[in-house]
Amino acid sequence: MTGYLVSLLMGLAVGGAYGLVQVRSPAPPMIALVGLFGMVLGQHAVDLAKHRFVRPAQTSLQSDVDGDHASLRPGHTE
């Protein structure tokens, strides 16, 4: 939620700056929205590909708990 708020505030700030110096937006509104939509789709596609094809890194603590050191598991009794 914070990211959306920061994005909205930055957009308002840039729009205000454009208004103060009387400069029009560099792209027509519809083209800008389509470009932003493409950026969002590209970001989600990369995140999806990473999630699907890249295995998460295993830390040494995970390998200790999952591997030979069963005594490290909580509640383990011998």
PDB file of N, CA and C in Angstrom:
ATOM      1  N   MET A   1       0.821  -1.188   0.000  1.00  0.00           N
ATOM      2  CA  MET A   1       0.000   0.000   0.000  1.00  0.00           C
ATOM      3  C   MET A   1       0.870   1.258   0.000  1.00  0.00           C
ATOM      4  N   THR A   2       2.001   1.203   0.697  1.00  0.00           N
ATOM      5  CA  THR A   2       2.885   2.360   0.759  1.00  0.00           C
ATOM      6  C   THR A   2       3.417   2.715  -0.626  1.00  0.00           C
ATOM      7  N   GLY A   3       3.727   1.684  -1.420  1.00  0.00           N
ATOM      8  CA  GLY A   3       4.227   1.931  -2.769  1.00  0.00           C
ATOM      9  C   GLY A   3       3.227   2.686  -3.622  1.00  0.00           C
ATOM     10  N   TYR A   4       1.954   2.348  -3.500  1.00  0.00           N
ATOM     11  CA  TYR A   4       0.918   3.043  -4.261  1.00  0.00           C
ATOM     12  C   TYR A   4       0.809   4.508  -3.831  1.00  0.00           C
ATOM     13  N   LEU A   5       0.905   4.747  -2.537  1.00  0.00           N
ATOM     14  CA  LEU A   5       0.802   6.103  -2.021  1.00  0.00           C
ATOM     15  C   LEU A   5       1.995   6.946  -2.473  1.00  0.00           C
ATOM     16  N   VAL A   6       3.183   6.380  -2.388  1.00  0.00           N
ATOM     17  CA  VAL A   6       4.383   7.098  -2.839  1.00  0.00           C
ATOM     18  C   VAL A   6       4.286   7.387  -4.334  1.00  0.00           C
ATOM     19  N   SER A   7       3.826   6.413  -5.105  1.00  0.00           N
ATOM     20  CA  SER A   7       3.687   6.592  -6.547  1.00  0.00           C
ATOM     21  C   SER A   7       2.691   7.702  -6.861  1.00  0.00           C
ATOM     22  N   LEU A   8       1.570   7.711  -6.165  1.00  0.00           N
ATOM     23  CA  LEU A   8       0.566   8.751  -6.383  1.00  0.00           C
ATOM     24  C   LEU A   8       1.122  10.124  -6.017  1.00  0.00           C
ATOM     25  N   LEU A   9       1.801  10.214  -4.876  1.00  0.00           N
ATOM     26  CA  LEU A   9       2.363  11.500  -4.456  1.00  0.00           C
ATOM     27  C   LEU A   9       3.437  11.996  -5.422  1.00  0.00           C
ATOM     28  N   MET A  10       4.275  11.099  -5.897  1.00  0.00           N
ATOM     29  CA  MET A  10       5.305  11.497  -6.860  1.00  0.00           C
ATOM     30  C   MET A  10       4.677  11.941  -8.180  1.00  0.00           C
ATOM     31  N   GLY A  11       3.642  11.246  -8.601  1.00  0.00           N
ATOM     32  CA  GLY A  11       2.934  11.648  -9.816  1.00  0.00           C
ATOM     33  C   GLY A  11       2.312  13.021  -9.679  1.00  0.00           C
ATOM     34  N   LEU A  12       1.721  13.285  -8.519  1.00  0.00           N
ATOM     35  CA  LEU A  12       1.153  14.616  -8.272  1.00  0.00           C
ATOM     36  C   LEU A  12       2.246  15.685  -8.246  1.00  0.00           C
ATOM     37  N   ALA A  13       3.386  15.358  -7.655  1.00  0.00           N
ATOM     38  CA  ALA A  13       4.486  16.320  -7.594  1.00  0.00           C
ATOM     39  C   ALA A  13       5.014  16.643  -8.993  1.00  0.00           C
ATOM     40  N   VAL A  14       5.195  15.618  -9.811  1.00  0.00           N
ATOM     41  CA  VAL A  14       5.685  15.849 -11.171  1.00  0.00           C
ATOM     42  C   VAL A  14       4.645  16.613 -11.988  1.00  0.00           C
ATOM     43  N   GLY A  15       3.376  16.243 -11.842  1.00  0.00           N
ATOM     44  CA  GLY A  15       2.317  16.970 -12.540  1.00  0.00           C
ATOM     45  C   GLY A  15       2.261  18.428 -12.108  1.00  0.00           C
ATOM     46  N   GLY A  16       2.445  18.671 -10.807  1.00  0.00           N
ATOM     47  CA  GLY A  16       2.480  20.051 -10.319  1.00  0.00           C
ATOM     48  C   GLY A  16       3.665  20.821 -10.879  1.00  0.00           C
ATOM     49  N   ALA A  17       4.822  20.161 -10.951  1.00  0.00           N
ATOM     50  CA  ALA A  17       6.008  20.814 -11.509  1.00  0.00           C
ATOM     51  C   ALA A  17       5.790  21.154 -12.978  1.00  0.00           C
ATOM     52  N   TYR A  18       5.194  20.238 -13.734  1.00  0.00           N
ATOM     53  CA  TYR A  18       4.890  20.507 -15.142  1.00  0.00           C
ATOM     54  C   TYR A  18       3.945  21.698 -15.250  1.00  0.00           C
ATOM     55  N   GLY A  19       2.950  21.757 -14.347  1.00  0.00           N
ATOM     56  CA  GLY A  19       2.006  22.865 -14.381  1.00  0.00           C
ATOM     57  C   GLY A  19       2.657  24.195 -14.046  1.00  0.00           C
ATOM     58  N   LEU A  20       3.585  24.196 -13.094  1.00  0.00           N
ATOM     59  CA  LEU A  20       4.249  25.437 -12.698  1.00  0.00           C
ATOM     60  C   LEU A  20       5.116  26.014 -13.810  1.00  0.00           C
ATOM     61  N   VAL A  21       5.797  25.166 -14.540  1.00  0.00           N
ATOM     62  CA  VAL A  21       6.655  25.653 -15.622  1.00  0.00           C
ATOM     63  C   VAL A  21       5.925  25.653 -16.964  1.00  0.00           C
ATOM     64  N   GLN A  22       4.661  25.378 -16.931  1.00  0.00           N
ATOM     65  CA  GLN A  22       3.777  25.384 -18.109  1.00  0.00           C
ATOM     66  C   GLN A  22       4.313  24.517 -19.241  1.00  0.00           C
ATOM     67  N   VAL A  23       4.659  23.283 -18.882  1.00  0.00           N
ATOM     68  CA  VAL A  23       5.121  22.296 -19.858  1.00  0.00           C
ATOM     69  C   VAL A  23       4.064  21.199 -19.921  1.00  0.00           C
ATOM     70  N   ARG A  24       3.759  20.795 -21.129  1.00  0.00           N
ATOM     71  CA  ARG A  24       2.813  19.692 -21.277  1.00  0.00           C
ATOM     72  C   ARG A  24       3.517  18.372 -21.045  1.00  0.00           C
ATOM     73  N   SER A  25       2.740  17.357 -20.668  1.00  0.00           N
ATOM     74  CA  SER A  25       3.292  16.025 -20.470  1.00  0.00           C
ATOM     75  C   SER A  25       3.969  15.565 -21.760  1.00  0.00           C
ATOM     76  N   PRO A  26       5.110  14.872 -21.666  1.00  0.00           N
ATOM     77  CA  PRO A  26       5.826  14.464 -22.875  1.00  0.00           C
ATOM     78  C   PRO A  26       5.089  13.431 -23.721  1.00  0.00           C
ATOM     79  N   ALA A  27       4.064  12.801 -23.171  1.00  0.00           N
ATOM     80  CA  ALA A  27       3.307  11.813 -23.937  1.00  0.00           C
ATOM     81  C   ALA A  27       1.816  12.079 -23.738  1.00  0.00           C
ATOM     82  N   PRO A  28       1.033  11.842 -24.782  1.00  0.00           N
ATOM     83  CA  PRO A  28      -0.417  11.962 -24.594  1.00  0.00           C
ATOM     84  C   PRO A  28      -0.878  11.004 -23.497  1.00  0.00           C
ATOM     85  N   PRO A  29      -1.906  11.358 -22.733  1.00  0.00           N
ATOM     86  CA  PRO A  29      -2.322  10.537 -21.588  1.00  0.00           C
ATOM     87  C   PRO A  29      -2.577   9.060 -21.912  1.00  0.00           C
ATOM     88  N   MET A  30      -3.223   8.761 -23.021  1.00  0.00           N
ATOM     89  CA  MET A  30      -3.526   7.366 -23.333  1.00  0.00           C
ATOM     90  C   MET A  30      -2.249   6.576 -23.612  1.00  0.00           C
ATOM     91  N   ILE A  31      -1.320   7.180 -24.334  1.00  0.00           N
ATOM     92  CA  ILE A  31      -0.059   6.495 -24.625  1.00  0.00           C
ATOM     93  C   ILE A  31       0.717   6.272 -23.333  1.00  0.00           C
ATOM     94  N   ALA A  32       0.709   7.261 -22.453  1.00  0.00           N
ATOM     95  CA  ALA A  32       1.415   7.123 -21.181  1.00  0.00           C
ATOM     96  C   ALA A  32       0.813   5.991 -20.350  1.00  0.00           C
ATOM     97  N   LEU A  33      -0.508   5.900 -20.309  1.00  0.00           N
ATOM     98  CA  LEU A  33      -1.153   4.837 -19.543  1.00  0.00           C
ATOM     99  C   LEU A  33      -0.859   3.463 -20.124  1.00  0.00           C
ATOM    100  N   VAL A  34      -0.850   3.354 -21.430  1.00  0.00           N
ATOM    101  CA  VAL A  34      -0.527   2.074 -22.062  1.00  0.00           C
ATOM    102  C   VAL A  34       0.927   1.694 -21.761  1.00  0.00           C
ATOM    103  N   GLY A  35       1.818   2.678 -21.785  1.00  0.00           N
ATOM    104  CA  GLY A  35       3.213   2.410 -21.457  1.00  0.00           C
ATOM    105  C   GLY A  35       3.383   1.957 -20.014  1.00  0.00           C
ATOM    106  N   LEU A  36       2.684   2.616 -19.097  1.00  0.00           N
ATOM    107  CA  LEU A  36       2.744   2.206 -17.699  1.00  0.00           C
ATOM    108  C   LEU A  36       2.175   0.805 -17.507  1.00  0.00           C
ATOM    109  N   PHE A  37       1.097   0.500 -18.216  1.00  0.00           N
ATOM    110  CA  PHE A  37       0.504  -0.830 -18.133  1.00  0.00           C
ATOM    111  C   PHE A  37       1.495  -1.881 -18.635  1.00  0.00           C
ATOM    112  N   GLY A  38       2.216  -1.565 -19.703  1.00  0.00           N
ATOM    113  CA  GLY A  38       3.239  -2.476 -20.207  1.00  0.00           C
ATOM    114  C   GLY A  38       4.358  -2.689 -19.203  1.00  0.00           C
ATOM    115  N   MET A  39       4.739  -1.625 -18.490  1.00  0.00           N
ATOM    116  CA  MET A  39       5.774  -1.750 -17.471  1.00  0.00           C
ATOM    117  C   MET A  39       5.318  -2.671 -16.342  1.00  0.00           C
ATOM    118  N   VAL A  40       4.059  -2.512 -15.931  1.00  0.00           N
ATOM    119  CA  VAL A  40       3.519  -3.350 -14.859  1.00  0.00           C
ATOM    120  C   VAL A  40       3.474  -4.811 -15.304  1.00  0.00           C
ATOM    121  N   LEU A  41       3.007  -5.050 -16.523  1.00  0.00           N
ATOM    122  CA  LEU A  41       2.962  -6.422 -17.038  1.00  0.00           C
ATOM    123  C   LEU A  41       4.357  -7.032 -17.129  1.00  0.00           C
ATOM    124  N   GLY A  42       5.329  -6.248 -17.582  1.00  0.00           N
ATOM    125  CA  GLY A  42       6.693  -6.746 -17.671  1.00  0.00           C
ATOM    126  C   GLY A  42       7.269  -7.089 -16.305  1.00  0.00           C
ATOM    127  N   GLN A  43       6.993  -6.244 -15.321  1.00  0.00           N
ATOM    128  CA  GLN A  43       7.489  -6.508 -13.965  1.00  0.00           C
ATOM    129  C   GLN A  43       6.876  -7.789 -13.411  1.00  0.00           C
ATOM    130  N   HIS A  44       5.572  -7.961 -13.614  1.00  0.00           N
ATOM    131  CA  HIS A  44       4.917  -9.169 -13.115  1.00  0.00           C
ATOM    132  C   HIS A  44       5.392 -10.407 -13.863  1.00  0.00           C
ATOM    133  N   ALA A  45       5.679 -10.267 -15.156  1.00  0.00           N
ATOM    134  CA  ALA A  45       6.180 -11.409 -15.927  1.00  0.00           C
ATOM    135  C   ALA A  45       7.540 -11.860 -15.405  1.00  0.00           C
ATOM    136  N   VAL A  46       8.415 -10.912 -15.081  1.00  0.00           N
ATOM    137  CA  VAL A  46       9.731 -11.257 -14.545  1.00  0.00           C
ATOM    138  C   VAL A  46       9.586 -11.915 -13.173  1.00  0.00           C
ATOM    139  N   ASP A  47       8.724 -11.349 -12.318  1.00  0.00           N
ATOM    140  CA  ASP A  47       8.508 -11.941 -10.997  1.00  0.00           C
ATOM    141  C   ASP A  47       7.957 -13.358 -11.112  1.00  0.00           C
ATOM    142  N   LEU A  48       7.032 -13.564 -12.030  1.00  0.00           N
ATOM    143  CA  LEU A  48       6.449 -14.892 -12.240  1.00  0.00           C
ATOM    144  C   LEU A  48       7.508 -15.870 -12.744  1.00  0.00           C
ATOM    145  N   ALA A  49       8.335 -15.428 -13.683  1.00  0.00           N
ATOM    146  CA  ALA A  49       9.391 -16.301 -14.216  1.00  0.00           C
ATOM    147  C   ALA A  49      10.397 -16.662 -13.129  1.00  0.00           C
ATOM    148  N   LYS A  50      10.771 -15.683 -12.286  1.00  0.00           N
ATOM    149  CA  LYS A  50      11.697 -15.978 -11.195  1.00  0.00           C
ATOM    150  C   LYS A  50      11.093 -16.989 -10.233  1.00  0.00           C
ATOM    151  N   HIS A  51       9.829 -16.789  -9.910  1.00  0.00           N
ATOM    152  CA  HIS A  51       9.158 -17.691  -8.966  1.00  0.00           C
ATOM    153  C   HIS A  51       9.037 -19.098  -9.536  1.00  0.00           C
ATOM    154  N   ARG A  52       8.812 -19.182 -10.833  1.00  0.00           N
ATOM    155  CA  ARG A  52       8.570 -20.484 -11.457  1.00  0.00           C
ATOM    156  C   ARG A  52       9.858 -21.243 -11.785  1.00  0.00           C
ATOM    157  N   PHE A  53      10.898 -20.526 -12.224  1.00  0.00           N
ATOM    158  CA  PHE A  53      12.068 -21.202 -12.755  1.00  0.00           C
ATOM    159  C   PHE A  53      13.317 -21.132 -11.869  1.00  0.00           C
ATOM    160  N   VAL A  54      13.354 -20.254 -10.888  1.00  0.00           N
ATOM    161  CA  VAL A  54      14.536 -20.110 -10.051  1.00  0.00           C
ATOM    162  C   VAL A  54      14.240 -20.700  -8.681  1.00  0.00           C
ATOM    163  N   ARG A  55      15.072 -21.666  -8.268  1.00  0.00           N
ATOM    164  CA  ARG A  55      14.891 -22.264  -6.944  1.00  0.00           C
ATOM    165  C   ARG A  55      15.354 -21.280  -5.892  1.00  0.00           C
ATOM    166  N   PRO A  56      14.655 -21.183  -4.794  1.00  0.00           N
ATOM    167  CA  PRO A  56      15.111 -20.286  -3.731  1.00  0.00           C
ATOM    168  C   PRO A  56      16.423 -20.788  -3.126  1.00  0.00           C
ATOM    169  N   ALA A  57      17.261 -19.862  -2.729  1.00  0.00           N
ATOM    170  CA  ALA A  57      18.532 -20.226  -2.116  1.00  0.00           C
ATOM    171  C   ALA A  57      18.271 -20.875  -0.769  1.00  0.00           C
ATOM    172  N   GLN A  58      19.035 -21.902  -0.470  1.00  0.00           N
ATOM    173  CA  GLN A  58      18.874 -22.595   0.802  1.00  0.00           C
ATOM    174  C   GLN A  58      19.973 -22.125   1.735  1.00  0.00           C
ATOM    175  N   THR A  59      19.587 -21.639   2.886  1.00  0.00           N
ATOM    176  CA  THR A  59      20.583 -21.165   3.845  1.00  0.00           C
ATOM    177  C   THR A  59      21.179 -22.342   4.598  1.00  0.00           C
ATOM    178  N   SER A  60      22.303 -22.112   5.223  1.00  0.00           N
ATOM    179  CA  SER A  60      22.951 -23.195   5.960  1.00  0.00           C
ATOM    180  C   SER A  60      22.100 -23.633   7.147  1.00  0.00           C
ATOM    181  N   LEU A  61      21.351 -22.718   7.742  1.00  0.00           N
ATOM    182  CA  LEU A  61      20.483 -23.080   8.859  1.00  0.00           C
ATOM    183  C   LEU A  61      19.393 -24.041   8.387  1.00  0.00           C
ATOM    184  N   GLN A  62      18.825 -23.776   7.205  1.00  0.00           N
ATOM    185  CA  GLN A  62      17.808 -24.683   6.675  1.00  0.00           C
ATOM    186  C   GLN A  62      18.397 -26.059   6.416  1.00  0.00           C
ATOM    187  N   SER A  63      19.594 -26.123   5.866  1.00  0.00           N
ATOM    188  CA  SER A  63      20.168 -27.432   5.577  1.00  0.00           C
ATOM    189  C   SER A  63      20.507 -28.159   6.869  1.00  0.00           C
ATOM    190  N   ASP A  64      20.909 -27.428   7.914  1.00  0.00           N
ATOM    191  CA  ASP A  64      21.176 -28.070   9.197  1.00  0.00           C
ATOM    192  C   ASP A  64      19.899 -28.661   9.789  1.00  0.00           C
ATOM    193  N   VAL A  65      18.834 -27.919   9.735  1.00  0.00           N
ATOM    194  CA  VAL A  65      17.579 -28.402  10.315  1.00  0.00           C
ATOM    195  C   VAL A  65      16.997 -29.531   9.476  1.00  0.00           C
ATOM    196  N   ASP A  66      17.083 -29.392   8.161  1.00  0.00           N
ATOM    197  CA  ASP A  66      16.518 -30.411   7.282  1.00  0.00           C
ATOM    198  C   ASP A  66      17.444 -31.616   7.118  1.00  0.00           C
ATOM    199  N   GLY A  67      18.700 -31.455   7.432  1.00  0.00           N
ATOM    200  CA  GLY A  67      19.670 -32.505   7.143  1.00  0.00           C
ATOM    201  C   GLY A  67      20.043 -33.332   8.343  1.00  0.00           C
ATOM    202  N   ASP A  68      21.362 -33.407   8.594  1.00  0.00           N
ATOM    203  CA  ASP A  68      21.911 -34.314   9.595  1.00  0.00           C
ATOM    204  C   ASP A  68      21.652 -33.899  11.033  1.00  0.00           C
ATOM    205  N   HIS A  69      21.369 -32.667  11.280  1.00  0.00           N
ATOM    206  CA  HIS A  69      21.273 -32.168  12.643  1.00  0.00           C
ATOM    207  C   HIS A  69      19.816 -32.128  13.116  1.00  0.00           C
ATOM    208  N   ALA A  70      19.215 -33.275  13.204  1.00  0.00           N
ATOM    209  CA  ALA A  70      17.807 -33.350  13.612  1.00  0.00           C
ATOM    210  C   ALA A  70      17.622 -32.880  15.043  1.00  0.00           C
ATOM    211  N   SER A  71      18.676 -32.903  15.848  1.00  0.00           N
ATOM    212  CA  SER A  71      18.547 -32.486  17.242  1.00  0.00           C
ATOM    213  C   SER A  71      18.311 -30.992  17.366  1.00  0.00           C
ATOM    214  N   LEU A  72      18.530 -30.236  16.299  1.00  0.00           N
ATOM    215  CA  LEU A  72      18.274 -28.803  16.333  1.00  0.00           C
ATOM    216  C   LEU A  72      16.799 -28.476  16.177  1.00  0.00           C
ATOM    217  N   ARG A  73      16.004 -29.421  15.784  1.00  0.00           N
ATOM    218  CA  ARG A  73      14.572 -29.160  15.598  1.00  0.00           C
ATOM    219  C   ARG A  73      13.911 -28.884  16.933  1.00  0.00           C
ATOM    220  N   PRO A  74      13.002 -27.897  16.961  1.00  0.00           N
ATOM    221  CA  PRO A  74      12.301 -27.601  18.209  1.00  0.00           C
ATOM    222  C   PRO A  74      11.474 -28.804  18.657  1.00  0.00           C
ATOM    223  N   GLY A  75      11.521 -29.092  19.930  1.00  0.00           N
ATOM    224  CA  GLY A  75      10.738 -30.184  20.487  1.00  0.00           C
ATOM    225  C   GLY A  75      11.348 -31.566  20.286  1.00  0.00           C
ATOM    226  N   HIS A  76      12.549 -31.607  19.726  1.00  0.00           N
ATOM    227  CA  HIS A  76      13.189 -32.903  19.465  1.00  0.00           C
ATOM    228  C   HIS A  76      13.757 -33.460  20.774  1.00  0.00           C
ATOM    229  N   THR A  77      13.415 -34.678  21.072  1.00  0.00           N
ATOM    230  CA  THR A  77      13.958 -35.346  22.258  1.00  0.00           C
ATOM    231  C   THR A  77      14.651 -36.611  21.828  1.00  0.00           C
ATOM    232  N   GLU A  78      15.660 -36.975  22.545  1.00  0.00           N
ATOM    233  CA  GLU A  78      16.417 -38.173  22.176  1.00  0.00           C
ATOM    234  C   GLU A  78      15.996 -39.350  23.019  1.00  0.00           C
TER     235      GLU A  78
END
